Amino acid sequence: MKKICFFGIYDRSYSRNRVLISGFQKNNYEVIYCNIDPRKHKGIKKYWLLYKEYKKVKNKRFDLILVAYPGHTVVWLARLLFGGDIIFDLFLSLYNSEVEDRKRYEPKGVGALYCRFLDWYSCKIAKIILLDTYTQIDYFSEKFNIYHNRFKRVLIGSDDSFFHPKTVAKKESEFIVHFHGSFIPLHGIEYIIKAASILKNEISIKFRIFGKGQEFDRMLRIKESLSADNIVFGGRISDEVLNDTINEADIILGVFSDGIKSRMVVTNKVYEGVACRKPVLTARVPGVEEVFSDRVNILLCHPSDEKDLAKKILELKADKKLRDKIAENGYNFYLKNLRPEIIVSNLLKEI
């Protein structure tokens, strides 16, 4: 059996890592972990602990070495320990996420320069770089002057051992519109809240928003200012509970901002919705249109436009045939293209 080393300071339970680990296992790879949990170990200590983990596996013969997400700060160590044949699951640009989207650093500040350096250097020393859309590959190649052929597109997909169709009892009188996420600017949650406010006289429509994060307090203030009492904020929930709440819903919402990042990516929640055979409604952006087809296996609305979002919610509510068509086509697309074993099989054909 071939062996792959998953190296880094990653969380094995994070959806991206879970999909890749499961995918390699289902493609007859033995997965060997050389990692520490970043939630437990901070600062320079984590590099020493990671080196100690390496010493436990250094005599094994690996067919592949993969630096898992988030790995920007440890690609250099993998290169030092294993040599040059490193696969790096870049997954996202730190500069794009922290500076352009979340705006945590000024564009010319030290923090921004550090993020930009990590993006550039980690890719320069990896042999193969993984990103989830061609749109994001184009961005990265142009912004950081990395040859296009160094990148491989690896869709995010979803782990069907966690997210799958399930019959869940619900009130027939309620039409549930579901969103879950970490409340970052990418998500455009304010447009969901404003759409809910537009629809607050539609008594049967209930919005459920799960998660917490950077913009939670601001979103709560917007909800209260609009008296959008048709929204319930449910806080953070486990993946097991999340699968039930998705399956209870009538529509799953994606993301709705019009930022640089939102135009490039397809988020976990979109894949999790289609994996549960639910109709997904999200913004029309290049990254999504690269993977899905409007009114075939997804429904798209204008980004940053609460009126169009509200209009599309009403359309789906009124047209059960359209809901069922999108849900079924989305699920079939997931089965054929987005399961872990298929995602990894496609990658293995290219490397």
Protein backbone atom coordinates (compact mmCIF):
# COMPACT_ATOMS: atom_id res chain seq x y z
CA MET A 1 0.00 0.00 0.00
CA LYS A 2 1.28 3.46 -0.88
CA LYS A 3 1.90 5.95 1.92
CA ILE A 4 1.24 9.67 2.20
CA CYS A 5 2.46 11.88 5.03
CA PHE A 6 0.06 14.64 6.09
CA PHE A 7 2.46 17.17 7.58
CA GLY A 8 1.85 20.39 9.47
CA ILE A 9 0.06 22.27 12.22
CA TYR A 10 -3.44 21.51 10.99
CA ASP A 11 -6.72 20.38 12.51
CA ARG A 12 -7.59 16.90 11.17
CA SER A 13 -11.30 17.55 11.72
CA TYR A 14 -11.39 20.69 9.55
CA SER A 15 -13.56 19.96 6.52
CA ARG A 16 -10.87 20.49 3.85
CA ASN A 17 -8.39 18.23 5.64
CA ARG A 18 -11.04 15.65 6.44
CA VAL A 19 -12.04 15.38 2.77
CA LEU A 20 -8.44 14.95 1.58
CA ILE A 21 -7.57 12.42 4.30
CA SER A 22 -10.69 10.37 3.56
CA GLY A 23 -10.07 10.66 -0.19
CA PHE A 24 -6.53 9.32 0.02
CA GLN A 25 -7.62 6.48 2.29
CA LYS A 26 -10.36 5.51 -0.17
CA ASN A 27 -7.75 5.53 -2.95
CA ASN A 28 -5.74 2.89 -1.08
CA TYR A 29 -3.20 5.18 0.55
CA GLU A 30 -2.06 4.70 4.11
CA VAL A 31 -2.23 8.12 5.72
CA ILE A 32 0.58 8.82 8.19
CA TYR A 33 0.11 11.89 10.37
CA CYS A 34 3.02 14.14 11.27
CA ASN A 35 1.24 17.03 12.88
CA ILE A 36 0.41 18.97 16.01
CA ASP A 37 -2.84 20.70 16.90
CA PRO A 38 -2.48 24.49 16.42
CA ARG A 39 -5.18 25.10 19.02
CA LYS A 40 -3.00 23.55 21.71
CA HIS A 41 0.48 24.77 20.78
CA LYS A 42 1.43 28.36 19.94
CA GLY A 43 4.52 30.30 18.96
CA ILE A 44 7.92 28.85 18.13
CA LYS A 45 7.28 25.84 20.35
CA LYS A 46 5.05 24.30 17.70
CA TYR A 47 7.95 23.98 15.26
CA TRP A 48 10.03 22.07 17.78
CA LEU A 49 7.11 19.77 18.60
CA LEU A 50 6.48 19.21 14.90
CA TYR A 51 10.13 18.28 14.42
CA LYS A 52 9.79 15.75 17.25
CA GLU A 53 6.78 14.24 15.44
CA TYR A 54 8.88 14.03 12.28
CA LYS A 55 11.53 12.01 14.11
CA LYS A 56 8.88 9.35 14.81
CA VAL A 57 8.17 8.83 11.09
CA LYS A 58 11.41 9.80 9.36
CA ASN A 59 12.40 6.18 8.62
CA LYS A 60 9.15 5.46 6.76
CA ARG A 61 9.19 5.51 2.97
CA PHE A 62 6.55 7.94 1.73
CA ASP A 63 5.18 8.12 -1.79
CA LEU A 64 3.76 11.61 -1.21
CA ILE A 65 4.32 14.43 1.28
CA LEU A 66 1.41 16.84 1.68
CA VAL A 67 1.52 20.00 3.81
CA ALA A 68 -2.08 20.37 4.95
CA TYR A 69 -4.05 23.58 5.54
CA PRO A 70 -3.10 25.87 7.20
CA GLY A 71 0.49 25.27 6.15
CA HIS A 72 1.95 28.60 5.03
CA THR A 73 4.30 28.79 8.02
CA VAL A 74 5.62 25.20 7.84
CA VAL A 75 6.25 24.51 4.15
CA TRP A 76 9.87 25.56 4.69
CA LEU A 77 10.21 22.96 7.46
CA ALA A 78 8.69 20.23 5.29
CA ARG A 79 11.12 21.16 2.52
CA LEU A 80 14.03 21.02 4.96
CA LEU A 81 13.02 17.63 6.38
CA PHE A 82 11.68 15.81 3.31
CA GLY A 83 13.34 17.51 0.35
CA GLY A 84 11.80 19.27 -2.63
CA ASP A 85 8.87 17.05 -3.66
CA ILE A 86 6.32 18.80 -1.46
CA ILE A 87 2.59 19.08 -2.23
CA PHE A 88 1.20 22.17 -0.52
CA ASP A 89 -2.53 22.54 0.03
CA LEU A 90 -2.45 26.32 -0.13
CA PHE A 91 -6.27 26.48 -0.02
CA LEU A 92 -6.32 30.28 0.25
CA SER A 93 -4.21 33.43 0.13
CA LEU A 94 -3.41 34.84 3.56
CA TYR A 95 -3.05 38.29 2.00
CA ASN A 96 -6.44 38.05 0.32
CA SER A 97 -8.14 36.71 3.45
CA GLU A 98 -6.58 38.90 6.12
CA VAL A 99 -6.00 42.14 4.18
CA GLU A 100 -8.43 42.31 1.25
CA ASP A 101 -11.39 40.48 2.80
CA ARG A 102 -11.25 40.69 6.61
CA LYS A 103 -9.27 43.98 6.53
CA ARG A 104 -7.33 43.09 9.66
CA TYR A 105 -4.18 44.77 8.36
CA GLU A 106 -3.51 47.93 6.38
CA PRO A 107 -2.37 47.03 2.83
CA LYS A 108 1.12 48.45 3.36
CA GLY A 109 1.45 47.55 7.04
CA VAL A 110 3.79 44.98 8.56
CA GLY A 111 1.02 42.41 8.97
CA ALA A 112 0.03 42.70 5.32
CA LEU A 113 3.64 42.40 4.16
CA TYR A 114 4.10 39.30 6.31
CA CYS A 115 0.97 37.67 4.82
CA ARG A 116 2.14 38.52 1.32
CA PHE A 117 5.59 37.08 2.02
CA LEU A 118 4.14 33.82 3.40
CA ASP A 119 1.90 33.44 0.33
CA TRP A 120 4.81 33.97 -2.03
CA TYR A 121 7.55 32.04 -0.23
CA SER A 122 5.47 28.98 0.68
CA CYS A 123 4.53 28.56 -2.98
CA LYS A 124 8.04 29.21 -4.28
CA ILE A 125 9.44 26.24 -2.33
CA ALA A 126 6.59 23.74 -2.89
CA LYS A 127 6.59 21.53 -5.98
CA ILE A 128 2.80 21.26 -6.41
CA ILE A 129 0.29 23.80 -5.07
CA LEU A 130 -3.40 22.99 -4.50
CA LEU A 131 -6.24 25.52 -4.80
CA ASP A 132 -9.97 24.95 -5.17
CA THR A 133 -10.87 26.96 -8.30
CA TYR A 134 -9.18 28.08 -11.50
CA THR A 135 -10.38 31.59 -10.65
CA GLN A 136 -8.31 31.54 -7.47
CA ILE A 137 -5.35 29.99 -9.33
CA ASP A 138 -5.46 32.90 -11.81
CA TYR A 139 -5.48 35.41 -8.94
CA PHE A 140 -2.58 33.76 -7.17
CA SER A 141 -0.48 33.22 -10.27
CA GLU A 142 -0.81 36.85 -11.33
CA LYS A 143 -0.48 38.49 -7.91
CA PHE A 144 2.52 36.49 -6.73
CA ASN A 145 4.17 35.70 -10.08
CA ILE A 146 3.93 31.91 -9.71
CA TYR A 147 3.87 29.80 -12.88
CA HIS A 148 0.35 28.59 -13.66
CA ASN A 149 1.46 24.98 -14.21
CA ARG A 150 2.59 24.70 -10.58
CA PHE A 151 -1.05 24.74 -9.45
CA LYS A 152 -3.63 21.95 -9.44
CA ARG A 153 -7.33 22.54 -8.94
CA VAL A 154 -8.73 20.39 -6.14
CA LEU A 155 -12.39 21.08 -5.42
CA ILE A 156 -13.41 21.30 -1.76
CA GLY A 157 -16.28 18.82 -1.92
CA SER A 158 -17.81 17.42 1.24
CA ASP A 159 -17.34 14.40 3.49
CA ASP A 160 -20.42 12.21 3.07
CA SER A 161 -19.80 10.50 6.40
CA PHE A 162 -20.85 13.82 7.98
CA PHE A 163 -23.10 15.49 5.40
CA HIS A 164 -25.73 13.35 3.68
CA PRO A 165 -29.49 13.28 3.05
CA LYS A 166 -31.51 12.47 6.14
CA THR A 167 -35.21 12.61 6.95
CA VAL A 168 -35.78 15.15 9.73
CA ALA A 169 -39.20 16.05 11.12
CA LYS A 170 -40.26 19.69 10.73
CA LYS A 171 -43.37 21.83 10.90
CA GLU A 172 -45.14 21.69 7.55
CA SER A 173 -46.25 25.30 8.03
CA GLU A 174 -42.65 26.58 8.10
CA PHE A 175 -40.40 27.28 5.13
CA ILE A 176 -36.89 27.25 6.58
CA VAL A 177 -34.05 29.23 5.00
CA HIS A 178 -30.73 28.07 6.46
CA PHE A 179 -27.25 29.63 6.68
CA HIS A 180 -24.18 28.55 8.64
CA GLY A 181 -20.77 30.16 8.77
CA SER A 182 -18.10 31.99 10.72
CA PHE A 183 -19.44 35.53 10.19
CA ILE A 184 -16.56 36.83 8.07
CA PRO A 185 -17.03 39.61 5.46
CA LEU A 186 -16.88 37.04 2.63
CA HIS A 187 -20.26 35.68 3.69
CA GLY A 188 -22.24 38.88 3.17
CA ILE A 189 -24.60 38.03 6.03
CA GLU A 190 -25.97 41.57 6.10
CA TYR A 191 -27.67 40.85 2.75
CA ILE A 192 -29.34 37.77 4.24
CA ILE A 193 -30.61 39.88 7.16
CA LYS A 194 -31.84 42.63 4.83
CA ALA A 195 -33.55 40.04 2.60
CA ALA A 196 -35.21 38.57 5.69
CA SER A 197 -36.43 42.05 6.61
CA ILE A 198 -37.95 42.45 3.15
CA LEU A 199 -39.73 39.11 3.64
CA LYS A 200 -40.82 39.55 7.26
CA ASN A 201 -44.49 39.72 6.27
CA GLU A 202 -44.16 36.27 4.70
CA ILE A 203 -45.24 34.57 7.92
CA SER A 204 -44.22 31.02 6.95
CA ILE A 205 -40.60 31.91 6.01
CA LYS A 206 -38.15 31.44 8.88
CA PHE A 207 -34.44 32.26 8.67
CA ARG A 208 -31.98 30.29 10.77
CA ILE A 209 -28.38 31.50 10.97
CA PHE A 210 -25.79 29.34 12.75
CA GLY A 211 -22.24 30.20 13.77
CA LYS A 212 -20.25 33.04 15.31
CA GLY A 213 -17.23 35.08 14.34
CA GLN A 214 -15.73 38.43 13.38
CA GLU A 215 -18.94 40.23 12.38
CA PHE A 216 -21.43 38.55 14.72
CA ASP A 217 -22.09 41.62 16.89
CA ARG A 218 -22.51 43.90 13.87
CA MET A 219 -24.94 41.45 12.26
CA LEU A 220 -26.94 41.28 15.49
CA ARG A 221 -27.21 45.08 15.51
CA ILE A 222 -28.40 45.11 11.88
CA LYS A 223 -31.01 42.47 12.69
CA GLU A 224 -32.29 44.48 15.65
CA SER A 225 -32.31 47.78 13.73
CA LEU A 226 -34.47 46.21 11.00
CA SER A 227 -36.72 44.38 13.49
CA ALA A 228 -36.09 41.19 11.53
CA ASP A 229 -37.81 38.90 14.02
CA ASN A 230 -38.08 36.14 11.42
CA ILE A 231 -34.37 35.38 11.98
CA VAL A 232 -33.03 33.10 14.71
CA PHE A 233 -29.29 33.13 15.47
CA GLY A 234 -28.41 29.63 16.61
CA GLY A 235 -24.75 29.98 17.60
CA ARG A 236 -22.08 27.37 16.92
CA ILE A 237 -23.15 23.76 16.47
CA SER A 238 -21.32 20.48 15.80
CA ASP A 239 -21.17 18.91 12.34
CA GLU A 240 -23.50 16.15 13.54
CA VAL A 241 -26.15 18.68 14.57
CA LEU A 242 -25.43 20.77 11.47
CA ASN A 243 -26.30 17.82 9.23
CA ASP A 244 -29.72 17.66 10.90
CA THR A 245 -30.35 21.40 10.60
CA ILE A 246 -29.40 21.37 6.91
CA ASN A 247 -31.74 18.46 6.26
CA GLU A 248 -34.54 20.20 8.13
CA ALA A 249 -34.26 23.28 5.90
CA ASP A 250 -35.99 24.01 2.60
CA ILE A 251 -33.21 26.24 1.17
CA ILE A 252 -29.49 26.40 1.97
CA LEU A 253 -27.82 29.78 1.53
CA GLY A 254 -24.24 30.27 0.33
CA VAL A 255 -22.41 33.63 0.37
CA PHE A 256 -23.52 36.99 -0.96
CA SER A 257 -20.77 39.61 -0.80
CA ASP A 258 -19.04 40.98 -3.88
CA GLY A 259 -15.49 41.09 -2.53
CA ILE A 260 -12.38 39.75 -4.23
CA LYS A 261 -12.40 36.56 -2.20
CA SER A 262 -16.09 35.81 -2.66
CA ARG A 263 -15.65 36.05 -6.44
CA MET A 264 -12.96 33.35 -6.39
CA VAL A 265 -14.19 30.58 -4.10
CA VAL A 266 -16.95 28.06 -3.53
CA THR A 267 -17.51 27.78 0.21
CA ASN A 268 -17.99 24.66 2.33
CA LYS A 269 -21.64 25.48 2.98
CA VAL A 270 -22.47 25.23 -0.74
CA TYR A 271 -20.94 21.76 -1.00
CA GLU A 272 -22.55 20.65 2.26
CA GLY A 273 -25.95 21.75 0.99
CA VAL A 274 -25.73 19.80 -2.26
CA ALA A 275 -24.35 16.77 -0.37
CA CYS A 276 -27.58 16.79 1.66
CA ARG A 277 -29.72 16.96 -1.51
CA LYS A 278 -30.94 20.47 -0.76
CA PRO A 279 -31.46 23.40 -3.16
CA VAL A 280 -28.62 25.89 -2.68
CA LEU A 281 -28.96 29.62 -3.36
CA THR A 282 -25.79 31.71 -3.58
CA ALA A 283 -24.32 34.74 -5.35
CA ARG A 284 -23.45 34.67 -9.02
CA VAL A 285 -19.64 34.86 -9.00
CA PRO A 286 -16.95 33.38 -11.29
CA GLY A 287 -15.77 30.74 -8.81
CA VAL A 288 -19.27 29.30 -8.40
CA GLU A 289 -20.09 29.45 -12.11
CA GLU A 290 -16.87 27.55 -12.80
CA VAL A 291 -18.27 24.54 -10.90
CA PHE A 292 -22.09 24.79 -10.91
CA SER A 293 -24.79 25.68 -13.45
CA ASP A 294 -27.53 28.20 -12.63
CA ARG A 295 -31.05 26.74 -12.48
CA VAL A 296 -29.63 23.28 -13.14
CA ASN A 297 -27.91 22.29 -9.90
CA ILE A 298 -27.87 25.63 -8.04
CA LEU A 299 -29.77 28.94 -8.04
CA LEU A 300 -27.82 32.18 -8.34
CA CYS A 301 -28.67 35.76 -7.42
CA HIS A 302 -26.89 39.09 -7.82
CA PRO A 303 -24.12 39.59 -5.23
CA SER A 304 -24.57 42.30 -2.59
CA ASP A 305 -28.25 42.60 -3.53
CA GLU A 306 -30.80 41.82 -0.82
CA LYS A 307 -33.72 42.53 -3.15
CA ASP A 308 -32.66 39.91 -5.68
CA LEU A 309 -31.89 37.47 -2.86
CA ALA A 310 -35.38 37.96 -1.44
CA LYS A 311 -36.87 37.56 -4.92
CA LYS A 312 -35.04 34.25 -5.47
CA ILE A 313 -36.12 32.94 -2.05
CA LEU A 314 -39.74 33.67 -2.95
CA GLU A 315 -39.28 31.99 -6.33
CA LEU A 316 -37.96 28.82 -4.72
CA LYS A 317 -40.74 28.84 -2.13
CA ALA A 318 -43.40 29.15 -4.82
CA ASP A 319 -41.89 26.58 -7.20
CA LYS A 320 -41.46 23.16 -5.59
CA LYS A 321 -40.65 21.64 -8.97
CA LEU A 322 -37.66 23.98 -9.32
CA ARG A 323 -36.54 23.26 -5.75
CA ASP A 324 -36.67 19.52 -6.31
CA LYS A 325 -34.89 19.75 -9.67
CA ILE A 326 -32.01 21.81 -8.27
CA ALA A 327 -31.72 19.59 -5.20
CA GLU A 328 -31.69 16.34 -7.17
CA ASN A 329 -29.32 17.60 -9.87
CA GLY A 330 -27.02 19.08 -7.23
CA TYR A 331 -26.92 15.80 -5.33
CA ASN A 332 -26.22 13.77 -8.47
CA PHE A 333 -23.43 16.21 -9.35
CA TYR A 334 -22.02 15.72 -5.86
CA LEU A 335 -22.10 11.92 -6.19
CA LYS A 336 -20.28 12.03 -9.53
CA ASN A 337 -17.76 14.79 -8.83
CA LEU A 338 -17.51 15.96 -5.23
CA ARG A 339 -17.07 12.94 -2.97
CA PRO A 340 -13.66 12.62 -1.26
CA GLU A 341 -12.51 9.58 -3.25
CA ILE A 342 -13.33 11.26 -6.58
CA ILE A 343 -11.64 14.54 -5.67
CA VAL A 344 -8.43 12.75 -4.69
CA SER A 345 -8.60 10.33 -7.63
CA ASN A 346 -8.68 13.33 -9.98
CA LEU A 347 -5.67 14.83 -8.21
CA LEU A 348 -3.69 11.59 -8.42
CA LYS A 349 -4.19 11.51 -12.19
CA GLU A 350 -2.41 14.89 -12.45
CA ILE A 351 0.60 14.41 -10.20
